[in-house]
PDB file of N, CA and C in Angstrom:
ATOM      1  N   MET A   1    -105.249  79.404  55.558  1.00  0.00           N
ATOM      2  CA  MET A   1    -105.581  80.107  54.502  1.00  0.00           C
ATOM      3  C   MET A   1    -104.278  80.784  54.021  1.00  0.00           C
ATOM      4  N   THR A   2    -104.205  81.058  52.792  1.00  0.00           N
ATOM      5  CA  THR A   2    -102.742  81.803  52.203  1.00  0.00           C
ATOM      6  C   THR A   2    -102.799  83.076  52.599  1.00  0.00           C
ATOM      7  N   PRO A   3    -101.600  83.657  53.114  1.00  0.00           N
ATOM      8  CA  PRO A   3    -101.635  84.969  53.416  1.00  0.00           C
ATOM      9  C   PRO A   3    -101.572  85.880  52.146  1.00  0.00           C
ATOM     10  N   ARG A   4    -102.250  87.036  52.215  1.00  0.00           N
ATOM     11  CA  ARG A   4    -102.263  87.825  50.976  1.00  0.00           C
ATOM     12  C   ARG A   4    -101.386  89.094  50.957  1.00  0.00           C
ATOM     13  N   MET A   5    -101.020  89.352  49.772  1.00  0.00           N
ATOM     14  CA  MET A   5    -100.188  90.625  49.627  1.00  0.00           C
ATOM     15  C   MET A   5    -101.054  91.744  49.773  1.00  0.00           C
ATOM     16  N   PRO A   6    -100.662  92.986  50.184  1.00  0.00           N
ATOM     17  CA  PRO A   6    -101.550  94.038  50.202  1.00  0.00           C
ATOM     18  C   PRO A   6    -102.045  94.466  48.650  1.00  0.00           C
ATOM     19  N   ASN A   7    -101.326  94.151  47.742  1.00  0.00           N
ATOM     20  CA  ASN A   7    -101.733  94.649  46.298  1.00  0.00           C
ATOM     21  C   ASN A   7    -102.643  93.704  45.764  1.00  0.00           C
ATOM     22  N   ASP A   8    -103.006  92.504  46.357  1.00  0.00           N
ATOM     23  CA  ASP A   8    -103.847  91.563  45.751  1.00  0.00           C
ATOM     24  C   ASP A   8    -105.132  92.200  45.485  1.00  0.00           C
ATOM     25  N   TRP A   9    -105.769  92.955  46.433  1.00  0.00           N
ATOM     26  CA  TRP A   9    -107.118  93.550  46.301  1.00  0.00           C
ATOM     27  C   TRP A   9    -107.196  94.245  45.029  1.00  0.00           C
ATOM     28  N   HIS A  10    -106.184  95.157  44.906  1.00  0.00           N
ATOM     29  CA  HIS A  10    -106.360  96.169  43.637  1.00  0.00           C
ATOM     30  C   HIS A  10    -105.897  95.541  42.238  1.00  0.00           C
ATOM     31  N   ARG A  11    -105.176  94.403  42.396  1.00  0.00           N
ATOM     32  CA  ARG A  11    -104.892  93.775  41.286  1.00  0.00           C
ATOM     33  C   ARG A  11    -106.009  93.180  40.663  1.00  0.00           C
ATOM     34  N   HIS A  12    -107.063  92.678  41.434  1.00  0.00           N
ATOM     35  CA  HIS A  12    -108.193  92.110  40.940  1.00  0.00           C
ATOM     36  C   HIS A  12    -109.412  93.228  40.888  1.00  0.00           C
ATOM     37  N   GLY A  13    -109.106  94.503  40.868  1.00  0.00           N
ATOM     38  CA  GLY A  13    -110.102  95.405  40.857  1.00  0.00           C
ATOM     39  C   GLY A  13    -110.985  95.596  42.087  1.00  0.00           C
ATOM     40  N   LEU A  14    -110.543  95.005  43.184  1.00  0.00           N
ATOM     41  CA  LEU A  14    -111.429  95.092  44.337  1.00  0.00           C
ATOM     42  C   LEU A  14    -110.799  96.105  45.278  1.00  0.00           C
ATOM     43  N   ARG A  15    -111.550  96.581  46.395  1.00  0.00           N
ATOM     44  CA  ARG A  15    -110.886  97.333  47.422  1.00  0.00           C
ATOM     45  C   ARG A  15    -110.678  96.438  48.546  1.00  0.00           C
ATOM     46  N   SER A  16    -109.622  96.946  49.381  1.00  0.00           N
ATOM     47  CA  SER A  16    -109.229  96.282  50.527  1.00  0.00           C
ATOM     48  C   SER A  16    -110.267  96.456  51.683  1.00  0.00           C
ATOM     49  N   PRO A  17    -110.369  95.475  52.528  1.00  0.00           N
ATOM     50  CA  PRO A  17    -111.401  95.750  53.621  1.00  0.00           C
ATOM     51  C   PRO A  17    -111.183  96.975  54.466  1.00  0.00           C
ATOM     52  N   GLU A  18    -109.948  97.629  54.443  1.00  0.00           N
ATOM     53  CA  GLU A  18    -109.770  98.931  55.058  1.00  0.00           C
ATOM     54  C   GLU A  18    -110.361 100.087  54.290  1.00  0.00           C
ATOM     55  N   ASP A  19    -110.103 100.028  52.924  1.00  0.00           N
ATOM     56  CA  ASP A  19    -110.792 100.874  52.091  1.00  0.00           C
ATOM     57  C   ASP A  19    -112.364 100.918  52.115  1.00  0.00           C
ATOM     58  N   LEU A  20    -112.870  99.747  52.195  1.00  0.00           N
ATOM     59  CA  LEU A  20    -114.492  99.534  52.275  1.00  0.00           C
ATOM     60  C   LEU A  20    -114.844  99.918  53.758  1.00  0.00           C
ATOM     61  N   ALA A  21    -114.027  99.716  54.737  1.00  0.00           N
ATOM     62  CA  ALA A  21    -114.562 100.256  56.102  1.00  0.00           C
ATOM     63  C   ALA A  21    -114.594 101.733  56.132  1.00  0.00           C
ATOM     64  N   ALA A  22    -113.516 102.281  55.350  1.00  0.00           N
ATOM     65  CA  ALA A  22    -113.495 103.860  55.499  1.00  0.00           C
ATOM     66  C   ALA A  22    -114.606 104.364  54.593  1.00  0.00           C
ATOM     67  N   LEU A  23    -114.826 103.758  53.465  1.00  0.00           N
ATOM     68  CA  LEU A  23    -116.099 104.135  52.605  1.00  0.00           C
ATOM     69  C   LEU A  23    -117.497 103.991  53.348  1.00  0.00           C
ATOM     70  N   VAL A  24    -117.526 103.071  54.183  1.00  0.00           N
ATOM     71  CA  VAL A  24    -118.807 102.760  54.852  1.00  0.00           C
ATOM     72  C   VAL A  24    -118.932 103.901  55.907  1.00  0.00           C
ATOM     73  N   ALA A  25    -117.927 104.196  56.582  1.00  0.00           N
ATOM     74  CA  ALA A  25    -117.959 105.092  57.779  1.00  0.00           C
ATOM     75  C   ALA A  25    -118.146 106.453  57.125  1.00  0.00           C
ATOM     76  N   GLU A  26    -117.461 106.819  56.047  1.00  0.00           N
ATOM     77  CA  GLU A  26    -117.969 108.102  55.381  1.00  0.00           C
ATOM     78  C   GLU A  26    -119.450 108.145  55.117  1.00  0.00           C
ATOM     79  N   ARG A  27    -119.924 107.162  54.463  1.00  0.00           N
ATOM     80  CA  ARG A  27    -121.341 107.215  54.176  1.00  0.00           C
ATOM     81  C   ARG A  27    -122.243 107.341  55.473  1.00  0.00           C
ATOM     82  N   LEU A  28    -121.758 106.664  56.499  1.00  0.00           N
ATOM     83  CA  LEU A  28    -122.737 106.700  57.617  1.00  0.00           C
ATOM     84  C   LEU A  28    -122.723 108.042  58.396  1.00  0.00           C
ATOM     85  N   GLU A  29    -121.568 108.678  58.132  1.00  0.00           N
ATOM     86  CA  GLU A  29    -121.310 110.023  58.722  1.00  0.00           C
ATOM     87  C   GLU A  29    -122.403 111.064  57.916  1.00  0.00           C
ATOM     88  N   GLY A  30    -122.792 110.709  56.794  1.00  0.00           N
ATOM     89  CA  GLY A  30    -123.739 111.552  56.045  1.00  0.00           C
ATOM     90  C   GLY A  30    -122.998 112.650  55.327  1.00  0.00           C
ATOM     91  N   SER A  31    -121.904 112.201  54.704  1.00  0.00           N
ATOM     92  CA  SER A  31    -121.149 113.058  53.993  1.00  0.00           C
ATOM     93  C   SER A  31    -121.836 113.882  52.830  1.00  0.00           C
ATOM     94  N   ASP A  32    -121.747 113.340  51.543  1.00  0.00           N
ATOM     95  CA  ASP A  32    -122.228 114.029  50.488  1.00  0.00           C
ATOM     96  C   ASP A  32    -123.634 113.628  50.203  1.00  0.00           C
ATOM     97  N   GLN A  33    -124.117 112.483  50.299  1.00  0.00           N
ATOM     98  CA  GLN A  33    -125.253 111.973  49.925  1.00  0.00           C
ATOM     99  C   GLN A  33    -126.310 111.920  51.137  1.00  0.00           C
ATOM    100  N   GLN A  34    -127.282 112.773  51.003  1.00  0.00           N
ATOM    101  CA  GLN A  34    -128.371 112.708  52.113  1.00  0.00           C
ATOM    102  C   GLN A  34    -129.712 112.050  51.390  1.00  0.00           C
ATOM    103  N   LEU A  35    -130.580 111.715  52.315  1.00  0.00           N
ATOM    104  CA  LEU A  35    -131.733 111.144  51.737  1.00  0.00           C
ATOM    105  C   LEU A  35    -132.524 112.345  51.342  1.00  0.00           C
ATOM    106  N   VAL A  36    -133.221 112.226  50.080  1.00  0.00           N
ATOM    107  CA  VAL A  36    -133.886 113.452  49.600  1.00  0.00           C
ATOM    108  C   VAL A  36    -135.381 113.121  49.815  1.00  0.00           C
ATOM    109  N   SER A  37    -136.188 113.873  50.352  1.00  0.00           N
ATOM    110  CA  SER A  37    -137.426 113.638  50.755  1.00  0.00           C
ATOM    111  C   SER A  37    -138.301 114.074  49.482  1.00  0.00           C
ATOM    112  N   ALA A  38    -139.229 113.099  48.843  1.00  0.00           N
ATOM    113  CA  ALA A  38    -140.018 113.502  47.686  1.00  0.00           C
ATOM    114  C   ALA A  38    -141.480 112.786  48.172  1.00  0.00           C
ATOM    115  N   GLY A  39    -142.110 113.461  49.081  1.00  0.00           N
ATOM    116  CA  GLY A  39    -143.423 113.151  49.550  1.00  0.00           C
ATOM    117  C   GLY A  39    -143.031 111.868  50.458  1.00  0.00           C
ATOM    118  N   ASP A  40    -143.702 110.670  50.303  1.00  0.00           N
ATOM    119  CA  ASP A  40    -143.619 109.567  51.095  1.00  0.00           C
ATOM    120  C   ASP A  40    -142.306 108.651  50.660  1.00  0.00           C
ATOM    121  N   THR A  41    -141.863 108.881  49.572  1.00  0.00           N
ATOM    122  CA  THR A  41    -140.716 108.174  48.941  1.00  0.00           C
ATOM    123  C   THR A  41    -139.375 108.853  49.153  1.00  0.00           C
ATOM    124  N   ARG A  42    -138.261 108.187  49.444  1.00  0.00           N
ATOM    125  CA  ARG A  42    -136.995 108.622  49.775  1.00  0.00           C
ATOM    126  C   ARG A  42    -136.115 107.881  48.760  1.00  0.00           C
ATOM    127  N   TYR A  43    -135.104 108.880  48.273  1.00  0.00           N
ATOM    128  CA  TYR A  43    -133.991 108.299  47.370  1.00  0.00           C
ATOM    129  C   TYR A  43    -132.888 107.772  48.374  1.00  0.00           C
ATOM    130  N   GLU A  44    -132.542 106.501  48.045  1.00  0.00           N
ATOM    131  CA  GLU A  44    -131.382 106.014  48.810  1.00  0.00           C
ATOM    132  C   GLU A  44    -130.607 105.318  47.628  1.00  0.00           C
ATOM    133  N   PRO A  45    -129.281 105.498  47.551  1.00  0.00           N
ATOM    134  CA  PRO A  45    -128.503 104.947  46.621  1.00  0.00           C
ATOM    135  C   PRO A  45    -128.612 103.242  46.594  1.00  0.00           C
ATOM    136  N   SER A  46    -128.858 102.787  45.523  1.00  0.00           N
ATOM    137  CA  SER A  46    -129.165 101.298  45.327  1.00  0.00           C
ATOM    138  C   SER A  46    -127.840 100.538  45.400  1.00  0.00           C
ATOM    139  N   TYR A  47    -127.956  99.165  45.494  1.00  0.00           N
ATOM    140  CA  TYR A  47    -126.641  98.393  45.418  1.00  0.00           C
ATOM    141  C   TYR A  47    -125.877  98.525  44.110  1.00  0.00           C
ATOM    142  N   ALA A  48    -126.873  98.717  43.030  1.00  0.00           N
ATOM    143  CA  ALA A  48    -126.223  98.964  41.694  1.00  0.00           C
ATOM    144  C   ALA A  48    -125.521 100.217  41.589  1.00  0.00           C
ATOM    145  N   ASP A  49    -125.857 101.267  42.344  1.00  0.00           N
ATOM    146  CA  ASP A  49    -125.175 102.473  42.310  1.00  0.00           C
ATOM    147  C   ASP A  49    -123.812 102.336  43.103  1.00  0.00           C
ATOM    148  N   PHE A  50    -123.957 101.571  44.284  1.00  0.00           N
ATOM    149  CA  PHE A  50    -122.631 101.227  44.963  1.00  0.00           C
ATOM    150  C   PHE A  50    -121.641 100.552  44.010  1.00  0.00           C
ATOM    151  N   LEU A  51    -122.202  99.336  43.420  1.00  0.00           N
ATOM    152  CA  LEU A  51    -121.248  98.801  42.469  1.00  0.00           C
ATOM    153  C   LEU A  51    -120.588  99.648  41.309  1.00  0.00           C
ATOM    154  N   GLY A  52    -121.513 100.597  40.821  1.00  0.00           N
ATOM    155  CA  GLY A  52    -120.973 101.412  39.824  1.00  0.00           C
ATOM    156  C   GLY A  52    -119.810 102.335  40.435  1.00  0.00           C
ATOM    157  N   GLU A  53    -119.887 102.619  41.626  1.00  0.00           N
ATOM    158  CA  GLU A  53    -118.705 103.396  42.179  1.00  0.00           C
ATOM    159  C   GLU A  53    -117.345 102.435  42.361  1.00  0.00           C
ATOM    160  N   GLN A  54    -117.643 101.083  42.298  1.00  0.00           N
ATOM    161  CA  GLN A  54    -116.338 100.284  42.528  1.00  0.00           C
ATOM    162  C   GLN A  54    -115.628 100.261  41.227  1.00  0.00           C
ATOM    163  N   ILE A  55    -116.374 100.512  40.145  1.00  0.00           N
ATOM    164  CA  ILE A  55    -115.555 100.328  38.838  1.00  0.00           C
ATOM    165  C   ILE A  55    -114.673 101.469  38.620  1.00  0.00           C
TER     166      ILE A  55
END
């Protein structure tokens, strides 16, 4: 496989694996977004919400 330059990820509008790992770790720690209880249903960010943050 071709070695990648560090800026290849950002040039294509993507995040590097290190950036994504930090984002996931931050989410798992329960930083800003907590589950909001509304009866039996709970709000969790959807995959579409996650993709919106990538833009």
